Amino acid sequence: MKAESKIPGSGPVPNVSDDYFRFHLPHVHLGPVFGNDWFALKAESFARFFGTPVFLVAQTVIVAIWIAINAFGYTKFDVYPFILLNLAFSLQAAYAAPLILLAQTRQADRDKAHADADAQHREALALAAEQRQTLAAQQSGQIMVLLQQNTQLTEVVKELSQRIEVLTTDMHNVVIQRKSA
């Protein structure tokens, strides 16, 4: 249950700290880049793996071993000019490029959705701050009116106290005159 504050003359203001991610909920479907099934998760991890140092070092080691065992004559399955190695690189590029492009496209969509959600959140915060400022201004005005009324009442009480004092003095004088007469 969300806590809400009420500003006189306006609608309810949600407590912004309650649910920061409420603007991100419409974009949850963009979370996994390729979907939620097994292939999608493996494809995403494969696309992410391409740019890592582990991949680059492993590929360099494999290519060096490949060239070494074929160049020094340990085996003859792919002799110079290493056509099978070129075919392997072409096959790798044929799969890597679309996976990377898909990942970049979906990441851009996800980033845009999150930027939109963040903008909505900032707008909600700005609106709430503006409403709080309006409420503070209204309350300050009400306090000034109450202080003015209090000052007027204090002046009335002072006048009445002075009248009571005058009446008390007059009555005291009348009572004293009757006793002495």
Protein backbone atom coordinates (compact mmCIF):
# COMPACT_ATOMS: atom_id res chain seq x y z
CA MET A 1 0.00 0.00 0.00
CA LYS A 2 1.44 3.35 -1.04
CA ALA A 3 1.57 6.23 1.37
CA GLU A 4 0.09 9.39 -0.06
CA SER A 5 0.11 12.93 1.19
CA LYS A 6 -2.76 15.28 0.47
CA ILE A 7 -2.23 18.86 -0.64
CA PRO A 8 -5.29 21.11 -0.29
CA GLY A 9 -6.65 22.08 -3.67
CA SER A 10 -4.79 19.37 -5.55
CA GLY A 11 -4.87 15.62 -6.03
CA PRO A 12 -2.96 13.04 -4.03
CA VAL A 13 0.82 13.17 -4.22
CA PRO A 14 2.50 9.75 -4.22
CA ASN A 15 5.34 9.29 -1.80
CA VAL A 16 8.16 9.09 -4.36
CA SER A 17 10.47 7.02 -2.16
CA ASP A 18 7.94 4.15 -1.99
CA ASP A 19 8.45 2.70 -5.46
CA TYR A 20 11.38 4.12 -7.41
CA PHE A 21 11.14 1.49 -10.15
CA ARG A 22 7.43 2.05 -10.90
CA PHE A 23 8.36 3.87 -14.12
CA HIS A 24 10.60 0.98 -15.22
CA LEU A 25 7.87 -1.67 -14.94
CA PRO A 26 6.44 -1.08 -18.46
CA HIS A 27 9.91 -1.86 -19.86
CA VAL A 28 10.65 -5.07 -17.96
CA HIS A 29 10.15 -7.12 -21.14
CA LEU A 30 13.33 -5.51 -22.52
CA GLY A 31 15.43 -7.01 -19.71
CA PRO A 32 16.84 -10.11 -21.34
CA VAL A 33 18.39 -9.13 -24.64
CA PHE A 34 17.31 -12.18 -26.68
CA GLY A 35 14.39 -13.46 -24.63
CA ASN A 36 14.09 -15.84 -21.68
CA ASP A 37 14.55 -19.30 -23.20
CA TRP A 38 17.72 -21.41 -23.03
CA PHE A 39 18.96 -20.44 -26.48
CA ALA A 40 18.39 -16.76 -25.81
CA LEU A 41 20.39 -16.84 -22.59
CA LYS A 42 23.26 -18.75 -24.25
CA ALA A 43 23.23 -16.39 -27.26
CA GLU A 44 23.43 -13.36 -25.00
CA SER A 45 26.29 -14.78 -22.95
CA PHE A 46 28.08 -15.75 -26.19
CA ALA A 47 27.67 -12.22 -27.59
CA ARG A 48 28.96 -10.75 -24.32
CA PHE A 49 31.94 -13.13 -24.33
CA PHE A 50 33.28 -11.89 -27.71
CA GLY A 51 34.81 -8.69 -26.35
CA THR A 52 36.44 -10.13 -23.25
CA PRO A 53 40.20 -10.49 -22.79
CA VAL A 54 39.71 -14.21 -22.10
CA PHE A 55 38.19 -14.69 -25.56
CA LEU A 56 40.91 -12.67 -27.30
CA VAL A 57 43.74 -14.49 -25.53
CA ALA A 58 42.13 -17.91 -26.08
CA GLN A 59 41.55 -17.22 -29.78
CA THR A 60 45.13 -16.00 -30.19
CA VAL A 61 46.51 -19.13 -28.51
CA ILE A 62 44.33 -21.44 -30.62
CA VAL A 63 45.32 -19.67 -33.87
CA ALA A 64 49.03 -19.75 -32.91
CA ILE A 65 48.85 -23.49 -32.13
CA TRP A 66 46.89 -24.11 -35.36
CA ILE A 67 49.50 -22.30 -37.48
CA ALA A 68 52.43 -23.87 -35.60
CA ILE A 69 51.32 -27.50 -35.97
CA ASN A 70 50.50 -26.97 -39.66
CA ALA A 71 53.54 -24.82 -40.54
CA PHE A 72 56.08 -27.10 -38.83
CA GLY A 73 54.61 -30.24 -40.41
CA TYR A 74 53.23 -31.99 -37.31
CA THR A 75 50.03 -32.48 -39.31
CA LYS A 76 48.83 -31.52 -42.77
CA PHE A 77 45.08 -30.90 -42.25
CA ASP A 78 45.37 -27.16 -43.11
CA VAL A 79 48.59 -26.29 -44.91
CA TYR A 80 49.67 -22.80 -45.90
CA PRO A 81 47.69 -20.48 -46.81
CA PHE A 82 45.49 -21.95 -44.02
CA ILE A 83 42.21 -22.01 -45.93
CA LEU A 84 40.43 -23.99 -43.20
CA LEU A 85 41.51 -21.38 -40.61
CA ASN A 86 40.15 -18.61 -42.86
CA LEU A 87 36.91 -20.57 -43.19
CA ALA A 88 36.71 -20.89 -39.40
CA PHE A 89 37.22 -17.11 -39.03
CA SER A 90 34.55 -16.45 -41.67
CA LEU A 91 32.13 -18.78 -39.90
CA GLN A 92 32.88 -17.10 -36.57
CA ALA A 93 32.34 -13.65 -38.10
CA ALA A 94 29.11 -14.80 -39.77
CA TYR A 95 27.66 -15.72 -36.36
CA ALA A 96 29.35 -13.07 -34.24
CA ALA A 97 28.33 -10.03 -36.26
CA PRO A 98 24.56 -10.61 -36.14
CA LEU A 99 24.68 -11.57 -32.46
CA ILE A 100 26.62 -8.44 -31.59
CA LEU A 101 24.35 -6.23 -33.72
CA LEU A 102 21.25 -7.75 -32.12
CA ALA A 103 22.71 -7.21 -28.68
CA GLN A 104 23.57 -3.58 -29.47
CA THR A 105 20.13 -2.87 -30.95
CA ARG A 106 18.28 -4.36 -28.00
CA GLN A 107 20.63 -2.62 -25.56
CA ALA A 108 19.91 0.69 -27.28
CA ASP A 109 16.15 0.00 -26.97
CA ARG A 110 16.60 -0.89 -23.31
CA ASP A 111 18.69 2.23 -22.66
CA LYS A 112 16.06 4.42 -24.35
CA ALA A 113 13.27 2.84 -22.30
CA HIS A 114 15.22 3.33 -19.09
CA ALA A 115 16.02 6.94 -20.05
CA ASP A 116 12.30 7.56 -20.66
CA ALA A 117 11.42 5.98 -17.32
CA ASP A 118 14.07 8.07 -15.57
CA ALA A 119 12.71 11.22 -17.24
CA GLN A 120 9.19 10.35 -16.02
CA HIS A 121 10.61 9.81 -12.53
CA ARG A 122 12.37 13.19 -12.60
CA GLU A 123 9.13 14.83 -13.77
CA ALA A 124 7.22 13.19 -10.90
CA LEU A 125 9.84 14.42 -8.44
CA ALA A 126 9.67 17.94 -9.87
CA LEU A 127 5.87 17.93 -9.68
CA ALA A 128 5.93 16.69 -6.08
CA ALA A 129 8.50 19.36 -5.15
CA GLU A 130 6.38 22.05 -6.80
CA GLN A 131 3.29 20.86 -4.94
CA ARG A 132 5.21 20.87 -1.65
CA GLN A 133 6.38 24.42 -2.34
CA THR A 134 2.80 25.50 -3.11
CA LEU A 135 1.60 23.88 0.11
CA ALA A 136 4.38 25.59 2.08
CA ALA A 137 3.43 28.96 0.58
CA GLN A 138 -0.25 28.36 1.46
CA GLN A 139 0.64 27.36 5.00
CA SER A 140 2.90 30.40 5.39
CA GLY A 141 0.01 32.61 4.28
CA GLN A 142 -2.32 30.91 6.75
CA ILE A 143 0.21 31.35 9.54
CA MET A 144 0.50 35.06 8.73
CA VAL A 145 -3.32 35.42 8.84
CA LEU A 146 -3.43 33.57 12.19
CA LEU A 147 -0.66 35.75 13.60
CA GLN A 148 -2.53 38.88 12.52
CA GLN A 149 -5.74 37.58 14.14
CA ASN A 150 -3.78 36.74 17.29
CA THR A 151 -2.37 40.27 17.38
CA GLN A 152 -5.87 41.75 17.02
CA LEU A 153 -7.21 39.49 19.77
CA THR A 154 -4.34 40.50 22.02
CA GLU A 155 -5.18 44.18 21.45
CA VAL A 156 -8.88 43.50 22.23
CA VAL A 157 -7.89 41.66 25.42
CA LYS A 158 -5.67 44.62 26.38
CA GLU A 159 -8.53 47.09 25.82
CA LEU A 160 -10.94 44.93 27.83
CA SER A 161 -8.39 44.56 30.62
CA GLN A 162 -7.97 48.34 30.74
CA ARG A 163 -11.78 48.80 30.85
CA ILE A 164 -12.03 46.23 33.63
CA GLU A 165 -9.32 48.07 35.53
CA VAL A 166 -11.13 51.40 35.09
CA LEU A 167 -14.45 49.86 36.15
CA THR A 168 -12.80 48.19 39.14
CA THR A 169 -11.24 51.48 40.18
CA ASP A 170 -14.58 53.31 39.77
CA MET A 171 -16.41 50.68 41.82
CA HIS A 172 -13.71 50.78 44.47
CA ASN A 173 -14.08 54.55 44.71
CA VAL A 174 -17.90 54.29 44.94
CA VAL A 175 -17.65 51.68 47.70
CA ILE A 176 -15.16 53.80 49.64
CA GLN A 177 -17.34 56.92 49.30
CA ARG A 178 -20.41 55.05 50.63
CA LYS A 179 -18.44 53.77 53.63
CA SER A 180 -17.17 57.21 54.49
CA ALA A 181 -20.55 58.88 54.09
